[in-house]
C-alpha atoms as a PDB file:
ATOM      1  CA  MET A   1      15.265  17.890  12.737  1.00  0.00           C
ATOM      2  CA  ARG A   2      18.373  15.870  12.027  1.00  0.00           C
ATOM      3  CA  LEU A   3      19.092  15.119   8.382  1.00  0.00           C
ATOM      4  CA  PRO A   4      18.779  11.285   8.590  1.00  0.00           C
ATOM      5  CA  VAL A   5      15.361  11.556  10.189  1.00  0.00           C
ATOM      6  CA  ALA A   6      14.237  14.033   7.569  1.00  0.00           C
ATOM      7  CA  LEU A   7      15.398  11.707   4.789  1.00  0.00           C
ATOM      8  CA  VAL A   8      13.511   8.768   6.297  1.00  0.00           C
ATOM      9  CA  LEU A   9      10.305  10.829   6.476  1.00  0.00           C
ATOM     10  CA  LEU A  10      10.762  11.940   2.886  1.00  0.00           C
ATOM     11  CA  LEU A  11      11.194   8.351   1.704  1.00  0.00           C
ATOM     12  CA  ILE A  12       8.102   7.247   3.587  1.00  0.00           C
ATOM     13  CA  ALA A  13       6.099  10.109   2.202  1.00  0.00           C
ATOM     14  CA  SER A  14       7.226   9.775  -1.441  1.00  0.00           C
ATOM     15  CA  PRO A  15       4.513   7.280  -2.499  1.00  0.00           C
ATOM     16  CA  ALA A  16       1.873   9.531  -0.981  1.00  0.00           C
ATOM     17  CA  LEU A  17       3.272  12.670  -2.576  1.00  0.00           C
ATOM     18  CA  ALA A  18       2.737  11.153  -5.996  1.00  0.00           C
ATOM     19  CA  GLN A  19      -0.975  10.675  -5.386  1.00  0.00           C
ATOM     20  CA  ASP A  20      -2.755  13.998  -5.913  1.00  0.00           C
ATOM     21  CA  ASP A  21      -5.892  13.034  -7.813  1.00  0.00           C
ATOM     22  CA  ASP A  22      -8.373  13.621  -4.993  1.00  0.00           C
ATOM     23  CA  ASP A  23      -8.637  15.516  -1.756  1.00  0.00           C
ATOM     24  CA  THR A  24      -7.044  13.871   1.256  1.00  0.00           C
ATOM     25  CA  PRO A  25      -9.535  12.757   3.937  1.00  0.00           C
ATOM     26  CA  SER A  26      -9.233  14.274   7.403  1.00  0.00           C
ATOM     27  CA  PHE A  27      -6.768  12.630   9.772  1.00  0.00           C
ATOM     28  CA  ASP A  28      -7.749  11.567  13.302  1.00  0.00           C
ATOM     29  CA  ARG A  29      -4.823  13.343  14.963  1.00  0.00           C
ATOM     30  CA  PRO A  30      -4.266  15.619  16.749  1.00  0.00           C
ATOM     31  CA  GLY A  31      -6.836  16.355  19.454  1.00  0.00           C
ATOM     32  CA  ILE A  32      -8.934  14.518  22.006  1.00  0.00           C
ATOM     33  CA  GLY A  33     -11.596  13.356  19.553  1.00  0.00           C
ATOM     34  CA  PHE A  34     -11.444  11.909  16.046  1.00  0.00           C
ATOM     35  CA  SER A  35     -12.520  12.991  12.578  1.00  0.00           C
ATOM     36  CA  PRO A  36     -16.089  12.009  11.593  1.00  0.00           C
ATOM     37  CA  SER A  37     -14.896  11.070   8.080  1.00  0.00           C
ATOM     38  CA  THR A  38     -13.581   7.687   6.884  1.00  0.00           C
ATOM     39  CA  LEU A  39     -11.010   6.685   4.280  1.00  0.00           C
ATOM     40  CA  PRO A  40     -12.009   5.668   0.747  1.00  0.00           C
ATOM     41  CA  ARG A  41     -12.076   1.933   0.115  1.00  0.00           C
ATOM     42  CA  GLY A  42      -8.585   0.495  -0.429  1.00  0.00           C
ATOM     43  CA  SER A  43      -6.725   3.556   0.849  1.00  0.00           C
ATOM     44  CA  VAL A  44      -4.443   3.686   3.899  1.00  0.00           C
ATOM     45  CA  ALA A  45      -3.416   6.351   6.405  1.00  0.00           C
ATOM     46  CA  LEU A  46      -0.551   6.166   8.906  1.00  0.00           C
ATOM     47  CA  GLU A  47      -0.638   8.568  11.856  1.00  0.00           C
ATOM     48  CA  TRP A  48       2.485   8.775  14.008  1.00  0.00           C
ATOM     49  CA  GLY A  49       3.267  10.649  17.234  1.00  0.00           C
ATOM     50  CA  LEU A  50       6.823  12.034  17.331  1.00  0.00           C
ATOM     51  CA  PRO A  51       6.435  11.809  20.350  1.00  0.00           C
ATOM     52  CA  SER A  52       3.918  13.071  22.926  1.00  0.00           C
ATOM     53  CA  LEU A  53       4.756  14.341  26.406  1.00  0.00           C
ATOM     54  CA  GLU A  54       2.788  14.110  29.657  1.00  0.00           C
ATOM     55  CA  ARG A  55       4.011  15.814  32.834  1.00  0.00           C
ATOM     56  CA  ASP A  56       2.353  15.749  36.252  1.00  0.00           C
ATOM     57  CA  ARG A  57       3.141  16.271  39.946  1.00  0.00           C
ATOM     58  CA  ASP A  58       1.320  14.334  42.693  1.00  0.00           C
ATOM     59  CA  ASP A  59       0.421  15.423  46.235  1.00  0.00           C
ATOM     60  CA  ASP A  60       3.751  14.083  47.539  1.00  0.00           C
ATOM     61  CA  GLY A  61       5.709  16.337  45.194  1.00  0.00           C
ATOM     62  CA  THR A  62       6.821  13.529  42.882  1.00  0.00           C
ATOM     63  CA  ARG A  63       7.060  14.754  39.298  1.00  0.00           C
ATOM     64  CA  SER A  64       6.438  12.255  36.507  1.00  0.00           C
ATOM     65  CA  THR A  65       7.461  12.855  32.904  1.00  0.00           C
ATOM     66  CA  GLN A  66       6.432  10.390  30.212  1.00  0.00           C
ATOM     67  CA  TYR A  67       7.305  10.385  26.521  1.00  0.00           C
ATOM     68  CA  SER A  68       5.237   8.194  24.179  1.00  0.00           C
ATOM     69  CA  SER A  69       5.257   7.493  20.465  1.00  0.00           C
ATOM     70  CA  ASP A  70       1.910   6.229  19.228  1.00  0.00           C
ATOM     71  CA  LEU A  71       0.977   4.693  15.871  1.00  0.00           C
ATOM     72  CA  ASN A  72      -2.449   4.450  14.250  1.00  0.00           C
ATOM     73  CA  LEU A  73      -2.915   2.563  10.980  1.00  0.00           C
ATOM     74  CA  ARG A  74      -6.228   3.238   9.186  1.00  0.00           C
ATOM     75  CA  ILE A  75      -7.492   1.127   6.271  1.00  0.00           C
ATOM     76  CA  GLY A  76     -10.554   1.904   4.168  1.00  0.00           C
ATOM     77  CA  LEU A  77     -12.673  -1.274   4.000  1.00  0.00           C
ATOM     78  CA  ALA A  78     -15.805  -0.029   2.255  1.00  0.00           C
ATOM     79  CA  GLU A  79     -17.699   3.170   1.687  1.00  0.00           C
ATOM     80  CA  HIS A  80     -18.002   4.878   5.095  1.00  0.00           C
ATOM     81  CA  VAL A  81     -16.245   1.984   6.924  1.00  0.00           C
ATOM     82  CA  GLU A  82     -12.621   1.716   8.000  1.00  0.00           C
ATOM     83  CA  LEU A  83     -10.472  -0.563  10.157  1.00  0.00           C
ATOM     84  CA  GLN A  84      -7.862   0.779  12.547  1.00  0.00           C
ATOM     85  CA  ALA A  85      -4.926  -0.878  14.318  1.00  0.00           C
ATOM     86  CA  PHE A  86      -3.178   1.158  16.982  1.00  0.00           C
ATOM     87  CA  SER A  87      -0.354   0.843  19.476  1.00  0.00           C
ATOM     88  CA  THR A  88       2.164   2.793  21.528  1.00  0.00           C
ATOM     89  CA  PRO A  89       5.421   0.935  20.784  1.00  0.00           C
ATOM     90  CA  PHE A  90       7.687   3.307  22.714  1.00  0.00           C
ATOM     91  CA  ASN A  91       7.291   4.831  26.195  1.00  0.00           C
ATOM     92  CA  HIS A  92       9.804   6.395  28.567  1.00  0.00           C
ATOM     93  CA  LEU A  93       8.834   7.289  32.152  1.00  0.00           C
ATOM     94  CA  GLN A  94      10.963   9.322  34.560  1.00  0.00           C
ATOM     95  CA  LEU A  95      10.058   9.922  38.221  1.00  0.00           C
ATOM     96  CA  LYS A  96      11.665  12.672  40.322  1.00  0.00           C
ATOM     97  CA  PRO A  97      12.763  13.305  43.048  1.00  0.00           C
ATOM     98  CA  ARG A  98      12.551   9.608  43.877  1.00  0.00           C
ATOM     99  CA  ASP A  99      15.541   7.430  43.017  1.00  0.00           C
ATOM    100  CA  GLY A 100      15.615   9.005  39.564  1.00  0.00           C
ATOM    101  CA  SER A 101      15.266   5.657  37.801  1.00  0.00           C
ATOM    102  CA  ALA A 102      13.523   5.478  34.445  1.00  0.00           C
ATOM    103  CA  SER A 103      11.464   2.770  32.791  1.00  0.00           C
ATOM    104  CA  ASN A 104      10.943   2.000  29.125  1.00  0.00           C
ATOM    105  CA  GLY A 105       8.550  -0.278  27.277  1.00  0.00           C
ATOM    106  CA  GLY A 106       5.721  -0.665  24.843  1.00  0.00           C
ATOM    107  CA  GLY A 107       2.110   0.181  25.570  1.00  0.00           C
ATOM    108  CA  ASP A 108      -1.156  -1.605  24.885  1.00  0.00           C
ATOM    109  CA  SER A 109      -2.406  -2.335  21.355  1.00  0.00           C
ATOM    110  CA  GLY A 110      -5.856  -2.586  19.858  1.00  0.00           C
ATOM    111  CA  LEU A 111      -8.240  -2.688  16.932  1.00  0.00           C
ATOM    112  CA  ALA A 112     -11.112  -0.383  16.006  1.00  0.00           C
ATOM    113  CA  VAL A 113     -13.848   0.003  13.407  1.00  0.00           C
ATOM    114  CA  LYS A 114     -15.077   3.446  12.381  1.00  0.00           C
ATOM    115  CA  ILE A 115     -18.417   3.974  10.633  1.00  0.00           C
ATOM    116  CA  ALA A 116     -19.388   7.338   9.141  1.00  0.00           C
ATOM    117  CA  LEU A 117     -23.155   7.780   9.348  1.00  0.00           C
ATOM    118  CA  PRO A 118     -25.354   9.545   6.736  1.00  0.00           C
ATOM    119  CA  THR A 119     -26.592  13.063   7.560  1.00  0.00           C
ATOM    120  CA  GLY A 120     -28.246  14.412   4.409  1.00  0.00           C
ATOM    121  CA  SER A 121     -26.328  17.697   4.679  1.00  0.00           C
ATOM    122  CA  ASP A 122     -22.778  18.802   3.904  1.00  0.00           C
ATOM    123  CA  LYS A 123     -22.786  20.940   7.056  1.00  0.00           C
ATOM    124  CA  HIS A 124     -23.219  17.938   9.345  1.00  0.00           C
ATOM    125  CA  ALA A 125     -20.911  14.919   9.776  1.00  0.00           C
ATOM    126  CA  TRP A 126     -20.762  12.254  12.442  1.00  0.00           C
ATOM    127  CA  ALA A 127     -19.234   8.834  13.001  1.00  0.00           C
ATOM    128  CA  LEU A 128     -18.970   6.017  15.528  1.00  0.00           C
ATOM    129  CA  LEU A 129     -15.719   4.334  16.586  1.00  0.00           C
ATOM    130  CA  ALA A 130     -15.836   0.959  18.380  1.00  0.00           C
ATOM    131  CA  SER A 131     -12.516  -0.305  19.715  1.00  0.00           C
ATOM    132  CA  THR A 132     -10.919  -3.041  21.776  1.00  0.00           C
ATOM    133  CA  THR A 133      -7.591  -2.533  23.546  1.00  0.00           C
ATOM    134  CA  PHE A 134      -5.504  -5.515  24.653  1.00  0.00           C
ATOM    135  CA  ALA A 135      -3.078  -5.528  27.588  1.00  0.00           C
ATOM    136  CA  THR A 136       0.050  -6.119  25.509  1.00  0.00           C
ATOM    137  CA  GLY A 137       2.187  -3.421  27.109  1.00  0.00           C
ATOM    138  CA  ALA A 138       4.839  -3.431  29.792  1.00  0.00           C
ATOM    139  CA  ARG A 139       3.666  -3.140  33.396  1.00  0.00           C
ATOM    140  CA  ASP A 140       4.259   0.607  33.720  1.00  0.00           C
ATOM    141  CA  PHE A 141       2.465   1.345  30.426  1.00  0.00           C
ATOM    142  CA  SER A 142      -0.498  -1.052  30.410  1.00  0.00           C
ATOM    143  CA  GLU A 143      -4.066  -0.836  31.687  1.00  0.00           C
ATOM    144  CA  GLY A 144      -3.671  -4.422  32.875  1.00  0.00           C
ATOM    145  CA  GLY A 145      -6.660  -5.891  31.065  1.00  0.00           C
ATOM    146  CA  THR A 146      -8.824  -5.777  27.955  1.00  0.00           C
ATOM    147  CA  GLN A 147     -10.839  -2.601  27.467  1.00  0.00           C
ATOM    148  CA  TYR A 148     -13.819  -1.893  25.207  1.00  0.00           C
ATOM    149  CA  ALA A 149     -14.773   1.587  24.054  1.00  0.00           C
ATOM    150  CA  LEU A 150     -17.472   3.229  21.956  1.00  0.00           C
ATOM    151  CA  GLY A 151     -16.915   6.776  20.768  1.00  0.00           C
ATOM    152  CA  ALA A 152     -18.972   9.237  18.744  1.00  0.00           C
ATOM    153  CA  SER A 153     -17.852  12.377  16.933  1.00  0.00           C
ATOM    154  CA  TYR A 154     -20.139  15.076  15.519  1.00  0.00           C
ATOM    155  CA  GLU A 155     -18.981  18.042  13.448  1.00  0.00           C
ATOM    156  CA  TYR A 156     -20.869  21.079  12.169  1.00  0.00           C
ATOM    157  CA  SER A 157     -19.438  23.425   9.515  1.00  0.00           C
ATOM    158  CA  PHE A 158     -20.452  27.044  10.124  1.00  0.00           C
ATOM    159  CA  ASP A 159     -18.840  28.204   6.866  1.00  0.00           C
ATOM    160  CA  ASP A 160     -15.811  27.473   4.707  1.00  0.00           C
ATOM    161  CA  ARG A 161     -13.399  28.342   7.557  1.00  0.00           C
ATOM    162  CA  TRP A 162     -15.074  27.643  10.891  1.00  0.00           C
ATOM    163  CA  SER A 163     -16.411  24.377  12.323  1.00  0.00           C
ATOM    164  CA  GLY A 164     -17.395  23.031  15.728  1.00  0.00           C
ATOM    165  CA  ALA A 165     -17.267  19.460  17.031  1.00  0.00           C
ATOM    166  CA  LEU A 166     -18.474  17.414  19.968  1.00  0.00           C
ATOM    167  CA  TYR A 167     -16.853  14.110  20.971  1.00  0.00           C
ATOM    168  CA  ALA A 168     -17.988  11.525  23.529  1.00  0.00           C
ATOM    169  CA  ASN A 169     -16.462   8.173  24.495  1.00  0.00           C
ATOM    170  CA  ALA A 170     -17.390   5.438  26.960  1.00  0.00           C
ATOM    171  CA  THR A 171     -14.751   2.915  28.073  1.00  0.00           C
ATOM    172  CA  ARG A 172     -15.328  -0.291  30.029  1.00  0.00           C
ATOM    173  CA  GLY A 173     -12.881  -2.904  31.300  1.00  0.00           C
ATOM    174  CA  ALA A 174      -9.592  -3.324  33.174  1.00  0.00           C
ATOM    175  CA  GLY A 175     -11.340  -2.588  36.452  1.00  0.00           C
ATOM    176  CA  ALA A 176     -12.455   0.938  35.558  1.00  0.00           C
ATOM    177  CA  ASP A 177     -15.368   2.431  33.625  1.00  0.00           C
ATOM    178  CA  ALA A 178     -14.808   5.918  32.222  1.00  0.00           C
ATOM    179  CA  PHE A 179     -16.732   8.508  30.207  1.00  0.00           C
ATOM    180  CA  THR A 180     -15.069  11.356  28.306  1.00  0.00           C
ATOM    181  CA  TRP A 181     -16.609  14.238  26.391  1.00  0.00           C
ATOM    182  CA  SER A 182     -14.951  17.091  24.553  1.00  0.00           C
ATOM    183  CA  PRO A 183     -16.164  20.194  22.680  1.00  0.00           C
ATOM    184  CA  SER A 184     -13.883  21.910  20.169  1.00  0.00           C
ATOM    185  CA  VAL A 185     -13.833  24.646  17.546  1.00  0.00           C
ATOM    186  CA  SER A 186     -11.578  24.744  14.460  1.00  0.00           C
ATOM    187  CA  VAL A 187     -10.604  27.417  11.956  1.00  0.00           C
ATOM    188  CA  ALA A 188      -8.786  27.224   8.633  1.00  0.00           C
ATOM    189  CA  LEU A 189      -6.081  29.919   8.798  1.00  0.00           C
ATOM    190  CA  THR A 190      -4.883  29.347   5.222  1.00  0.00           C
ATOM    191  CA  ASP A 191      -5.421  26.720   2.530  1.00  0.00           C
ATOM    192  CA  THR A 192      -2.891  24.444   4.287  1.00  0.00           C
ATOM    193  CA  VAL A 193      -2.839  25.545   7.952  1.00  0.00           C
ATOM    194  CA  SER A 194      -5.634  25.046  10.495  1.00  0.00           C
ATOM    195  CA  SER A 195      -5.927  25.526  14.236  1.00  0.00           C
ATOM    196  CA  TYR A 196      -8.324  24.443  16.968  1.00  0.00           C
ATOM    197  CA  LEU A 197      -9.272  24.963  20.605  1.00  0.00           C
ATOM    198  CA  GLU A 198     -10.587  22.112  22.762  1.00  0.00           C
ATOM    199  CA  ALA A 199     -11.579  21.084  26.260  1.00  0.00           C
ATOM    200  CA  GLY A 200     -11.882  17.574  27.669  1.00  0.00           C
ATOM    201  CA  PHE A 201     -13.702  16.179  30.697  1.00  0.00           C
ATOM    202  CA  THR A 202     -13.352  12.613  32.018  1.00  0.00           C
ATOM    203  CA  HIS A 203     -15.193  10.819  34.801  1.00  0.00           C
ATOM    204  CA  THR A 204     -13.749   7.478  35.899  1.00  0.00           C
ATOM    205  CA  GLN A 205     -15.691   5.264  38.284  1.00  0.00           C
ATOM    206  CA  GLY A 206     -14.161   5.369  41.757  1.00  0.00           C
ATOM    207  CA  GLU A 207     -11.734   8.157  40.872  1.00  0.00           C
ATOM    208  CA  ALA A 208     -11.773  11.948  40.784  1.00  0.00           C
ATOM    209  CA  SER A 209     -12.930  13.600  37.578  1.00  0.00           C
ATOM    210  CA  THR A 210     -10.402  15.417  35.387  1.00  0.00           C
ATOM    211  CA  ALA A 211     -10.599  18.436  33.099  1.00  0.00           C
ATOM    212  CA  ILE A 212      -8.117  19.731  30.507  1.00  0.00           C
ATOM    213  CA  ALA A 213      -8.074  22.394  27.793  1.00  0.00           C
ATOM    214  CA  GLY A 214      -5.694  23.246  25.006  1.00  0.00           C
ATOM    215  CA  ALA A 215      -5.068  23.979  21.363  1.00  0.00           C
ATOM    216  CA  GLY A 216      -3.345  22.626  18.295  1.00  0.00           C
ATOM    217  CA  VAL A 217      -2.280  23.399  14.752  1.00  0.00           C
ATOM    218  CA  THR A 218      -2.038  21.288  11.581  1.00  0.00           C
ATOM    219  CA  TRP A 219      -0.042  21.997   8.437  1.00  0.00           C
ATOM    220  CA  MET A 220      -0.503  20.142   5.156  1.00  0.00           C
ATOM    221  CA  VAL A 221       3.098  20.274   3.962  1.00  0.00           C
ATOM    222  CA  ALA A 222       2.067  18.260   0.901  1.00  0.00           C
ATOM    223  CA  ARG A 223      -1.292  17.181  -0.475  1.00  0.00           C
ATOM    224  CA  THR A 224      -1.157  13.890   1.467  1.00  0.00           C
ATOM    225  CA  VAL A 225       1.234  14.703   4.347  1.00  0.00           C
ATOM    226  CA  GLN A 226       0.217  16.536   7.514  1.00  0.00           C
ATOM    227  CA  LEU A 227       2.357  17.816  10.389  1.00  0.00           C
ATOM    228  CA  ASP A 228       0.740  18.673  13.717  1.00  0.00           C
ATOM    229  CA  ALA A 229       1.528  20.182  17.108  1.00  0.00           C
ATOM    230  CA  SER A 230      -0.776  20.354  20.124  1.00  0.00           C
ATOM    231  CA  PHE A 231      -0.946  20.853  23.896  1.00  0.00           C
ATOM    232  CA  ASP A 232      -3.415  20.539  26.779  1.00  0.00           C
ATOM    233  CA  VAL A 233      -3.095  21.798  30.348  1.00  0.00           C
ATOM    234  CA  GLY A 234      -4.854  20.531  33.449  1.00  0.00           C
ATOM    235  CA  LEU A 235      -7.713  22.642  34.816  1.00  0.00           C
ATOM    236  CA  ASP A 236      -7.682  21.061  38.280  1.00  0.00           C
ATOM    237  CA  ASN A 237      -5.333  19.261  40.667  1.00  0.00           C
ATOM    238  CA  ASN A 238      -6.478  15.819  39.512  1.00  0.00           C
ATOM    239  CA  SER A 239      -5.540  16.379  35.871  1.00  0.00           C
ATOM    240  CA  PRO A 240      -2.093  16.099  34.258  1.00  0.00           C
ATOM    241  CA  ASP A 241      -0.242  19.409  34.403  1.00  0.00           C
ATOM    242  CA  LEU A 242       0.750  19.302  30.740  1.00  0.00           C
ATOM    243  CA  GLN A 243       0.152  17.118  27.697  1.00  0.00           C
ATOM    244  CA  ALA A 244       1.848  18.058  24.434  1.00  0.00           C
ATOM    245  CA  GLY A 245       2.809  16.378  21.203  1.00  0.00           C
ATOM    246  CA  LEU A 246       4.129  16.529  17.673  1.00  0.00           C
ATOM    247  CA  GLY A 247       2.990  14.237  14.894  1.00  0.00           C
ATOM    248  CA  VAL A 248       3.028  13.415  11.211  1.00  0.00           C
ATOM    249  CA  SER A 249       0.340  11.701   9.132  1.00  0.00           C
ATOM    250  CA  PHE A 250       0.522  10.139   5.653  1.00  0.00           C
ATOM    251  CA  PHE A 251      -2.246   9.197   3.229  1.00  0.00           C
ATOM    252  CA  PHE A 252      -1.715   6.447   0.611  1.00  0.00           C
ATOM    253  CA  ARG A 253      -4.344   5.861  -2.068  1.00  0.00           C
END
């Protein structure tokens, strides 16, 4: 990483580094699903993709490569309730072997509310995430209309190191209804490093279903700062060949 970028990240993280009174809640990135936990009231988390990559090749042999940098701002509103504002402010799309031209622009933005539901057991955790996405992006990076989604995430802790999760999400709007579900398993490798395996399956009305699988790793470089890296590969011809990303997340109490 270049020195100026590293200095900027350090300056951003410095307020969070000073806060070490309590454990940091789980971040929602990386992975297909989201964490079933919410932020404490009055706290804030910023999750930032640095960036992500998607590469695919269609039946005509055209290869598309897209880079995206996504932002997710989480705010703890009350016990077990948080507000989220998300966007993809930067996208770069390259098509080959067509004319080789590239397009740039912002993606859609939206708002979400996450509610962590009571379980009565420390081994179980689950939450609901209701979101609305607005067509604020450039033509090449927008769904073209408002979308509504309702997601659910369930997690079960087998022991202090291993846990399993199941995620499901239904999306409606912008001319297409879609349903996604994803199982995953996670393991704590050390006190600060964790890894996971996941698979994801999506059915979109009027389109072919897709299936992907991959893995990721997270590293708590400080008590309130997390770095992550992840990838997914397509399991069939209808799915993107490769999705990969790097990210950083900050927690501010």
